[in-house]
N, C-alpha and C. Protein backbone atom coordinates (compact mmCIF):
# COMPACT_ATOMS: atom_id res chain seq x y z
N MET A 1 -3.19 -1.25 18.48
CA MET A 1 -2.79 -1.79 17.20
C MET A 1 -2.22 -0.68 16.32
N GLN A 2 -1.09 -0.97 15.71
CA GLN A 2 -0.48 0.01 14.85
C GLN A 2 -0.21 -0.59 13.48
N TYR A 3 -0.61 0.15 12.48
CA TYR A 3 -0.38 -0.25 11.10
C TYR A 3 0.18 0.96 10.38
N TYR A 4 1.24 0.75 9.63
CA TYR A 4 1.90 1.85 8.97
C TYR A 4 2.13 1.52 7.50
N VAL A 5 1.78 2.47 6.64
CA VAL A 5 2.00 2.33 5.21
C VAL A 5 2.88 3.48 4.74
N ASP A 6 4.01 3.12 4.16
CA ASP A 6 4.90 4.09 3.52
C ASP A 6 4.49 4.13 2.05
N VAL A 7 3.91 5.23 1.63
CA VAL A 7 3.42 5.36 0.25
C VAL A 7 4.47 6.07 -0.59
N GLN A 8 4.80 5.46 -1.72
CA GLN A 8 5.72 6.05 -2.67
C GLN A 8 5.01 6.17 -4.01
N ILE A 9 4.93 7.38 -4.52
CA ILE A 9 4.29 7.61 -5.82
C ILE A 9 5.40 7.80 -6.85
N ALA A 10 5.53 6.85 -7.76
CA ALA A 10 6.57 6.89 -8.78
C ALA A 10 5.94 6.77 -10.17
N THR A 11 4.83 7.47 -10.35
CA THR A 11 4.14 7.47 -11.62
C THR A 11 3.97 8.92 -12.06
N GLN A 12 4.02 9.13 -13.36
CA GLN A 12 3.93 10.51 -13.86
C GLN A 12 2.51 11.06 -13.76
N ASN A 13 1.53 10.23 -13.98
CA ASN A 13 0.13 10.67 -13.92
C ASN A 13 -0.43 10.29 -12.55
N THR A 14 -0.77 11.28 -11.76
CA THR A 14 -1.28 11.00 -10.42
C THR A 14 -2.80 11.18 -10.32
N ASN A 15 -3.46 11.36 -11.45
CA ASN A 15 -4.92 11.47 -11.45
C ASN A 15 -5.54 10.14 -11.06
N ASP A 16 -6.59 10.19 -10.28
CA ASP A 16 -7.39 9.03 -9.90
C ASP A 16 -6.64 7.99 -9.07
N LEU A 17 -5.54 8.37 -8.44
CA LEU A 17 -4.85 7.44 -7.55
C LEU A 17 -5.58 7.42 -6.21
N PRO A 18 -5.52 6.29 -5.51
CA PRO A 18 -6.11 6.26 -4.18
C PRO A 18 -5.35 7.20 -3.24
N THR A 19 -6.03 7.67 -2.21
CA THR A 19 -5.40 8.53 -1.22
C THR A 19 -4.57 7.68 -0.25
N GLU A 20 -3.69 8.35 0.47
CA GLU A 20 -2.92 7.63 1.50
C GLU A 20 -3.85 7.03 2.54
N GLN A 21 -4.92 7.74 2.87
CA GLN A 21 -5.89 7.23 3.84
C GLN A 21 -6.54 5.94 3.33
N GLN A 22 -6.92 5.91 2.06
CA GLN A 22 -7.50 4.69 1.50
C GLN A 22 -6.50 3.54 1.53
N LEU A 23 -5.27 3.79 1.10
CA LEU A 23 -4.25 2.75 1.10
C LEU A 23 -4.02 2.22 2.51
N ASN A 24 -3.96 3.12 3.49
CA ASN A 24 -3.80 2.71 4.88
C ASN A 24 -4.96 1.84 5.35
N ASN A 25 -6.17 2.25 5.04
CA ASN A 25 -7.35 1.51 5.46
C ASN A 25 -7.39 0.12 4.81
N TRP A 26 -7.12 0.06 3.53
CA TRP A 26 -7.14 -1.23 2.82
C TRP A 26 -6.08 -2.18 3.39
N PHE A 27 -4.90 -1.63 3.67
CA PHE A 27 -3.84 -2.46 4.26
C PHE A 27 -4.25 -2.94 5.66
N LYS A 28 -4.71 -2.03 6.48
CA LYS A 28 -5.11 -2.37 7.85
C LYS A 28 -6.16 -3.48 7.86
N GLN A 29 -7.17 -3.34 7.03
CA GLN A 29 -8.23 -4.36 6.97
C GLN A 29 -7.69 -5.69 6.48
N SER A 30 -6.67 -5.66 5.64
CA SER A 30 -6.08 -6.89 5.09
C SER A 30 -5.25 -7.65 6.12
N VAL A 31 -4.65 -6.93 7.04
CA VAL A 31 -3.66 -7.54 7.92
C VAL A 31 -4.13 -7.71 9.37
N LYS A 32 -5.17 -6.99 9.78
CA LYS A 32 -5.53 -6.95 11.21
C LYS A 32 -5.95 -8.29 11.81
N LEU A 33 -6.43 -9.21 11.01
CA LEU A 33 -6.79 -10.54 11.53
C LEU A 33 -5.56 -11.41 11.75
N PHE A 34 -4.44 -11.01 11.17
CA PHE A 34 -3.24 -11.82 11.22
C PHE A 34 -2.15 -11.25 12.13
N ARG A 35 -2.13 -9.92 12.24
CA ARG A 35 -1.08 -9.25 13.00
C ARG A 35 -1.65 -8.06 13.78
N LYS A 36 -1.11 -7.82 14.97
CA LYS A 36 -1.52 -6.65 15.77
C LYS A 36 -0.79 -5.40 15.32
N GLN A 37 0.36 -5.59 14.70
CA GLN A 37 1.14 -4.48 14.17
C GLN A 37 1.75 -4.93 12.86
N ALA A 38 1.84 -4.00 11.92
CA ALA A 38 2.46 -4.34 10.64
C ALA A 38 2.80 -3.08 9.88
N GLU A 39 3.80 -3.20 9.04
CA GLU A 39 4.24 -2.09 8.21
C GLU A 39 4.46 -2.61 6.79
N VAL A 40 4.18 -1.74 5.84
CA VAL A 40 4.37 -2.10 4.44
C VAL A 40 4.75 -0.84 3.66
N THR A 41 5.46 -1.04 2.57
CA THR A 41 5.69 0.04 1.61
C THR A 41 4.84 -0.26 0.40
N ILE A 42 4.04 0.71 -0.01
CA ILE A 42 3.26 0.58 -1.25
C ILE A 42 3.82 1.60 -2.23
N ARG A 43 4.35 1.10 -3.31
CA ARG A 43 4.95 1.95 -4.35
C ARG A 43 4.09 1.85 -5.60
N ILE A 44 3.55 2.97 -6.03
CA ILE A 44 2.73 3.02 -7.24
C ILE A 44 3.63 3.47 -8.38
N VAL A 45 3.72 2.61 -9.40
CA VAL A 45 4.69 2.81 -10.47
C VAL A 45 4.03 2.82 -11.84
N ASP A 46 4.83 3.18 -12.84
CA ASP A 46 4.42 3.09 -14.24
C ASP A 46 4.83 1.73 -14.81
N GLU A 47 4.40 1.47 -16.02
CA GLU A 47 4.64 0.15 -16.64
C GLU A 47 6.12 -0.21 -16.77
N PHE A 48 6.96 0.75 -17.07
CA PHE A 48 8.38 0.45 -17.25
C PHE A 48 8.98 -0.19 -16.00
N GLU A 49 8.73 0.43 -14.84
CA GLU A 49 9.28 -0.12 -13.59
C GLU A 49 8.65 -1.46 -13.25
N SER A 50 7.35 -1.58 -13.46
CA SER A 50 6.67 -2.85 -13.18
C SER A 50 7.25 -3.97 -14.06
N GLN A 51 7.43 -3.68 -15.33
CA GLN A 51 7.97 -4.68 -16.25
C GLN A 51 9.41 -5.05 -15.87
N SER A 52 10.21 -4.06 -15.53
CA SER A 52 11.60 -4.33 -15.14
C SER A 52 11.68 -5.24 -13.92
N LEU A 53 10.88 -4.92 -12.91
CA LEU A 53 10.88 -5.74 -11.69
C LEU A 53 10.31 -7.13 -11.95
N ASN A 54 9.25 -7.21 -12.73
CA ASN A 54 8.64 -8.50 -13.04
C ASN A 54 9.62 -9.38 -13.82
N ARG A 55 10.35 -8.78 -14.74
CA ARG A 55 11.35 -9.51 -15.53
C ARG A 55 12.51 -9.96 -14.64
N ASP A 56 13.03 -9.04 -13.83
CA ASP A 56 14.21 -9.34 -13.03
C ASP A 56 13.94 -10.33 -11.90
N TYR A 57 12.75 -10.28 -11.31
CA TYR A 57 12.47 -11.12 -10.14
C TYR A 57 11.56 -12.30 -10.41
N ARG A 58 10.80 -12.25 -11.49
CA ARG A 58 9.88 -13.35 -11.77
C ARG A 58 10.11 -13.99 -13.14
N GLY A 59 11.02 -13.40 -13.94
CA GLY A 59 11.31 -13.94 -15.25
C GLY A 59 10.21 -13.72 -16.26
N LYS A 60 9.31 -12.76 -15.99
CA LYS A 60 8.20 -12.47 -16.91
C LYS A 60 8.39 -11.05 -17.43
N ASP A 61 8.69 -10.94 -18.72
CA ASP A 61 9.04 -9.65 -19.32
C ASP A 61 7.81 -8.87 -19.76
N GLN A 62 6.98 -8.51 -18.79
CA GLN A 62 5.79 -7.71 -19.03
C GLN A 62 5.37 -7.05 -17.73
N PRO A 63 4.70 -5.90 -17.82
CA PRO A 63 4.22 -5.28 -16.58
C PRO A 63 3.10 -6.13 -15.98
N THR A 64 2.88 -5.98 -14.69
CA THR A 64 1.83 -6.73 -14.01
C THR A 64 1.13 -5.81 -13.01
N ASN A 65 -0.02 -6.22 -12.54
CA ASN A 65 -0.81 -5.36 -11.66
C ASN A 65 -0.15 -5.11 -10.30
N VAL A 66 0.27 -6.18 -9.64
CA VAL A 66 0.87 -6.01 -8.31
C VAL A 66 1.98 -7.04 -8.12
N LEU A 67 3.07 -6.59 -7.55
CA LEU A 67 4.17 -7.46 -7.16
C LEU A 67 4.33 -7.36 -5.65
N SER A 68 4.56 -8.49 -5.01
CA SER A 68 4.75 -8.53 -3.56
C SER A 68 6.17 -9.02 -3.27
N PHE A 69 6.87 -8.23 -2.49
CA PHE A 69 8.23 -8.59 -2.09
C PHE A 69 8.28 -8.68 -0.57
N PRO A 70 8.15 -9.90 -0.03
CA PRO A 70 8.18 -10.05 1.43
C PRO A 70 9.56 -9.72 1.99
N PHE A 71 9.56 -9.11 3.16
CA PHE A 71 10.81 -8.82 3.86
C PHE A 71 11.11 -10.00 4.75
N GLU A 72 12.30 -10.56 4.61
CA GLU A 72 12.70 -11.69 5.44
C GLU A 72 13.46 -11.17 6.65
N VAL A 73 12.79 -11.19 7.78
CA VAL A 73 13.34 -10.67 9.02
C VAL A 73 14.31 -11.71 9.60
N PRO A 74 15.54 -11.29 9.89
CA PRO A 74 16.46 -12.22 10.55
C PRO A 74 15.88 -12.66 11.89
N PRO A 75 16.14 -13.91 12.30
CA PRO A 75 15.53 -14.45 13.52
C PRO A 75 15.76 -13.60 14.78
N SER A 76 16.87 -12.93 14.88
CA SER A 76 17.17 -12.18 16.10
C SER A 76 16.61 -10.75 16.09
N VAL A 77 15.94 -10.38 14.99
CA VAL A 77 15.44 -9.02 14.86
C VAL A 77 13.92 -9.00 15.03
N VAL A 78 13.42 -8.07 15.84
CA VAL A 78 11.98 -7.90 16.00
C VAL A 78 11.58 -6.71 15.13
N LEU A 79 10.82 -6.98 14.10
CA LEU A 79 10.42 -5.93 13.16
C LEU A 79 9.08 -6.31 12.56
N ASP A 80 8.21 -5.34 12.41
CA ASP A 80 6.87 -5.59 11.90
C ASP A 80 6.74 -5.35 10.40
N LEU A 81 7.87 -5.16 9.70
CA LEU A 81 7.84 -4.88 8.27
C LEU A 81 7.49 -6.14 7.50
N LEU A 82 6.35 -6.10 6.78
CA LEU A 82 5.96 -7.24 5.96
C LEU A 82 6.71 -7.26 4.64
N GLY A 83 6.92 -6.10 4.06
CA GLY A 83 7.62 -6.04 2.78
C GLY A 83 7.11 -4.91 1.93
N ASP A 84 7.23 -5.08 0.62
CA ASP A 84 6.87 -4.05 -0.35
C ASP A 84 5.82 -4.55 -1.32
N LEU A 85 4.89 -3.65 -1.65
CA LEU A 85 3.94 -3.90 -2.72
C LEU A 85 4.24 -2.89 -3.82
N ILE A 86 4.39 -3.39 -5.03
CA ILE A 86 4.61 -2.54 -6.19
C ILE A 86 3.36 -2.68 -7.05
N ILE A 87 2.64 -1.58 -7.23
CA ILE A 87 1.37 -1.62 -7.97
C ILE A 87 1.50 -0.73 -9.20
N CYS A 88 1.19 -1.28 -10.35
CA CYS A 88 1.31 -0.56 -11.62
C CYS A 88 0.01 0.17 -11.96
N ARG A 89 0.10 1.49 -11.97
CA ARG A 89 -1.07 2.32 -12.22
C ARG A 89 -1.77 1.97 -13.53
N GLN A 90 -1.03 1.89 -14.63
CA GLN A 90 -1.65 1.66 -15.94
C GLN A 90 -2.34 0.29 -16.01
N ILE A 91 -1.73 -0.72 -15.43
CA ILE A 91 -2.33 -2.05 -15.47
C ILE A 91 -3.61 -2.10 -14.64
N VAL A 92 -3.60 -1.48 -13.47
CA VAL A 92 -4.80 -1.45 -12.62
C VAL A 92 -5.93 -0.75 -13.37
N GLU A 93 -5.63 0.40 -13.96
CA GLU A 93 -6.65 1.15 -14.70
C GLU A 93 -7.17 0.36 -15.90
N LYS A 94 -6.26 -0.27 -16.63
CA LYS A 94 -6.64 -1.07 -17.81
C LYS A 94 -7.52 -2.26 -17.41
N GLU A 95 -7.12 -2.98 -16.36
CA GLU A 95 -7.90 -4.13 -15.91
C GLU A 95 -9.28 -3.72 -15.43
N ALA A 96 -9.35 -2.65 -14.67
CA ALA A 96 -10.65 -2.19 -14.18
C ALA A 96 -11.59 -1.89 -15.35
N LYS A 97 -11.07 -1.22 -16.35
CA LYS A 97 -11.89 -0.89 -17.53
C LYS A 97 -12.30 -2.15 -18.30
N GLU A 98 -11.34 -3.03 -18.58
CA GLU A 98 -11.61 -4.26 -19.34
C GLU A 98 -12.55 -5.20 -18.60
N GLN A 99 -12.47 -5.22 -17.29
CA GLN A 99 -13.28 -6.15 -16.48
C GLN A 99 -14.54 -5.48 -15.93
N TYR A 100 -14.81 -4.26 -16.36
CA TYR A 100 -15.99 -3.50 -15.93
C TYR A 100 -16.06 -3.40 -14.41
N LYS A 101 -14.90 -3.12 -13.80
CA LYS A 101 -14.83 -3.00 -12.34
C LYS A 101 -14.68 -1.54 -11.94
N ASN A 102 -15.22 -1.21 -10.80
CA ASN A 102 -15.03 0.10 -10.21
C ASN A 102 -13.54 0.28 -9.93
N LEU A 103 -12.97 1.42 -10.34
CA LEU A 103 -11.54 1.63 -10.21
C LEU A 103 -11.08 1.58 -8.76
N SER A 104 -11.81 2.22 -7.87
CA SER A 104 -11.44 2.20 -6.46
C SER A 104 -11.46 0.78 -5.90
N ALA A 105 -12.45 0.02 -6.27
CA ALA A 105 -12.55 -1.37 -5.81
C ALA A 105 -11.37 -2.19 -6.32
N HIS A 106 -10.94 -1.93 -7.55
CA HIS A 106 -9.81 -2.70 -8.10
C HIS A 106 -8.50 -2.30 -7.41
N TRP A 107 -8.33 -1.00 -7.13
CA TRP A 107 -7.16 -0.58 -6.35
C TRP A 107 -7.16 -1.28 -4.99
N ALA A 108 -8.30 -1.28 -4.33
CA ALA A 108 -8.40 -1.93 -3.02
C ALA A 108 -8.03 -3.40 -3.13
N HIS A 109 -8.52 -4.05 -4.18
CA HIS A 109 -8.22 -5.48 -4.34
C HIS A 109 -6.73 -5.71 -4.55
N MET A 110 -6.05 -4.83 -5.26
CA MET A 110 -4.61 -5.01 -5.47
C MET A 110 -3.85 -4.91 -4.14
N VAL A 111 -4.28 -3.99 -3.27
CA VAL A 111 -3.65 -3.87 -1.95
C VAL A 111 -3.95 -5.11 -1.12
N VAL A 112 -5.19 -5.54 -1.11
CA VAL A 112 -5.58 -6.73 -0.35
C VAL A 112 -4.83 -7.96 -0.88
N HIS A 113 -4.87 -8.17 -2.18
CA HIS A 113 -4.22 -9.34 -2.80
C HIS A 113 -2.73 -9.35 -2.49
N GLY A 114 -2.07 -8.22 -2.69
CA GLY A 114 -0.63 -8.15 -2.43
C GLY A 114 -0.30 -8.39 -0.97
N THR A 115 -1.10 -7.83 -0.08
CA THR A 115 -0.87 -8.00 1.36
C THR A 115 -1.02 -9.46 1.76
N ILE A 116 -2.02 -10.12 1.22
CA ILE A 116 -2.22 -11.54 1.54
C ILE A 116 -1.01 -12.36 1.08
N HIS A 117 -0.43 -12.00 -0.06
CA HIS A 117 0.82 -12.64 -0.49
C HIS A 117 1.93 -12.39 0.53
N LEU A 118 2.06 -11.15 1.01
CA LEU A 118 3.10 -10.83 1.99
C LEU A 118 2.92 -11.63 3.28
N LEU A 119 1.69 -12.01 3.56
CA LEU A 119 1.41 -12.81 4.76
C LEU A 119 1.68 -14.30 4.55
N GLY A 120 2.14 -14.65 3.34
CA GLY A 120 2.55 -16.03 3.09
C GLY A 120 1.59 -16.87 2.29
N TYR A 121 0.50 -16.31 1.83
CA TYR A 121 -0.47 -17.06 1.04
C TYR A 121 -0.11 -16.98 -0.44
N ASP A 122 -0.52 -18.01 -1.18
CA ASP A 122 -0.24 -18.04 -2.62
C ASP A 122 -1.42 -18.66 -3.34
N HIS A 123 -1.35 -18.66 -4.66
CA HIS A 123 -2.43 -19.22 -5.47
C HIS A 123 -1.87 -20.06 -6.63
N ILE A 124 -0.88 -20.86 -6.29
CA ILE A 124 -0.28 -21.74 -7.30
C ILE A 124 -1.10 -23.03 -7.41
N GLU A 125 -1.36 -23.67 -6.31
CA GLU A 125 -2.15 -24.90 -6.28
C GLU A 125 -3.63 -24.55 -6.12
N SER A 126 -4.52 -25.40 -6.66
CA SER A 126 -5.95 -25.09 -6.61
C SER A 126 -6.46 -24.96 -5.17
N LYS A 127 -5.93 -25.74 -4.25
CA LYS A 127 -6.34 -25.64 -2.85
C LYS A 127 -5.94 -24.28 -2.27
N GLU A 128 -4.76 -23.81 -2.65
CA GLU A 128 -4.29 -22.50 -2.20
C GLU A 128 -5.16 -21.39 -2.77
N VAL A 129 -5.58 -21.55 -4.02
CA VAL A 129 -6.43 -20.55 -4.69
C VAL A 129 -7.71 -20.35 -3.88
N GLU A 130 -8.36 -21.44 -3.50
CA GLU A 130 -9.61 -21.36 -2.74
C GLU A 130 -9.41 -20.63 -1.42
N ILE A 131 -8.34 -20.96 -0.71
CA ILE A 131 -8.07 -20.34 0.59
C ILE A 131 -7.80 -18.85 0.41
N MET A 132 -6.90 -18.52 -0.51
CA MET A 132 -6.51 -17.12 -0.70
C MET A 132 -7.69 -16.28 -1.18
N GLU A 133 -8.42 -16.78 -2.15
CA GLU A 133 -9.56 -16.02 -2.67
C GLU A 133 -10.63 -15.82 -1.62
N SER A 134 -10.87 -16.82 -0.78
CA SER A 134 -11.91 -16.67 0.25
C SER A 134 -11.50 -15.60 1.27
N ILE A 135 -10.21 -15.53 1.60
CA ILE A 135 -9.72 -14.48 2.50
C ILE A 135 -9.91 -13.12 1.86
N GLU A 136 -9.52 -13.00 0.58
CA GLU A 136 -9.64 -11.73 -0.14
C GLU A 136 -11.10 -11.28 -0.24
N ILE A 137 -11.99 -12.19 -0.58
CA ILE A 137 -13.41 -11.86 -0.70
C ILE A 137 -13.96 -11.35 0.62
N SER A 138 -13.58 -12.02 1.72
CA SER A 138 -14.04 -11.61 3.04
C SER A 138 -13.54 -10.19 3.37
N ILE A 139 -12.29 -9.92 3.11
CA ILE A 139 -11.73 -8.59 3.39
C ILE A 139 -12.40 -7.54 2.51
N MET A 140 -12.57 -7.84 1.24
CA MET A 140 -13.22 -6.89 0.33
C MET A 140 -14.65 -6.60 0.78
N ASN A 141 -15.36 -7.62 1.23
CA ASN A 141 -16.72 -7.40 1.75
C ASN A 141 -16.70 -6.51 2.98
N THR A 142 -15.72 -6.72 3.86
CA THR A 142 -15.57 -5.88 5.05
C THR A 142 -15.35 -4.42 4.65
N LEU A 143 -14.63 -4.22 3.56
CA LEU A 143 -14.35 -2.87 3.05
C LEU A 143 -15.54 -2.28 2.29
N GLY A 144 -16.59 -3.07 2.09
CA GLY A 144 -17.78 -2.57 1.40
C GLY A 144 -17.77 -2.81 -0.11
N PHE A 145 -16.87 -3.67 -0.57
CA PHE A 145 -16.77 -3.99 -1.99
C PHE A 145 -17.31 -5.39 -2.26
N ASP A 146 -17.72 -5.60 -3.50
CA ASP A 146 -18.20 -6.91 -3.93
C ASP A 146 -17.04 -7.88 -4.11
N ASN A 147 -17.37 -9.13 -4.37
CA ASN A 147 -16.40 -10.17 -4.67
C ASN A 147 -15.54 -9.72 -5.85
N PRO A 148 -14.23 -9.57 -5.66
CA PRO A 148 -13.38 -9.09 -6.75
C PRO A 148 -13.22 -10.08 -7.89
N TYR A 149 -13.62 -11.32 -7.66
CA TYR A 149 -13.49 -12.34 -8.70
C TYR A 149 -14.75 -12.46 -9.55
N ASP A 150 -15.78 -11.69 -9.21
CA ASP A 150 -16.97 -11.58 -10.04
C ASP A 150 -16.89 -10.25 -10.78
N ALA A 151 -16.97 -10.29 -12.08
CA ALA A 151 -16.97 -9.03 -12.83
C ALA A 151 -18.30 -8.34 -12.55
N TYR A 152 -18.24 -7.05 -12.33
CA TYR A 152 -19.46 -6.30 -12.13
C TYR A 152 -19.37 -5.01 -12.92
N PHE A 153 -20.49 -4.48 -13.23
CA PHE A 153 -20.54 -3.29 -14.07
C PHE A 153 -20.55 -2.04 -13.24
N ILE A 154 -19.92 -1.01 -13.77
CA ILE A 154 -19.81 0.28 -13.10
C ILE A 154 -21.18 0.92 -13.00
């Protein structure tokens, strides 16, 4: 089994960012039940880039925690690239603090959540929410973290 993460750091403050090893592990645990091989780009950005992408691609003029951009593989091409995850450092840090969550656990959840989106899951309909959240909770537990949808204290 091969899993590859291309990490791009596009934030000015690199303090307290997850390591490449952590990002790789979180991605691998998120995808291994669905694929034997997979590749993703994880780009850690500042609010300006997050807001620009969120506005241009989702019509929401504000930064967000994670954006998932699935790669649409042409039918005749064999490629394991799932797509890109864009994670906003400031939003992740702010949410972790506001929600009394461990910062590392929240980073892990953003990778898990984004990867599950790249695999085709969504949370628009209530039935989809239950399915997606149960997958995320299971993966987070495998990684040694609590349910990300329960606020917990540091």
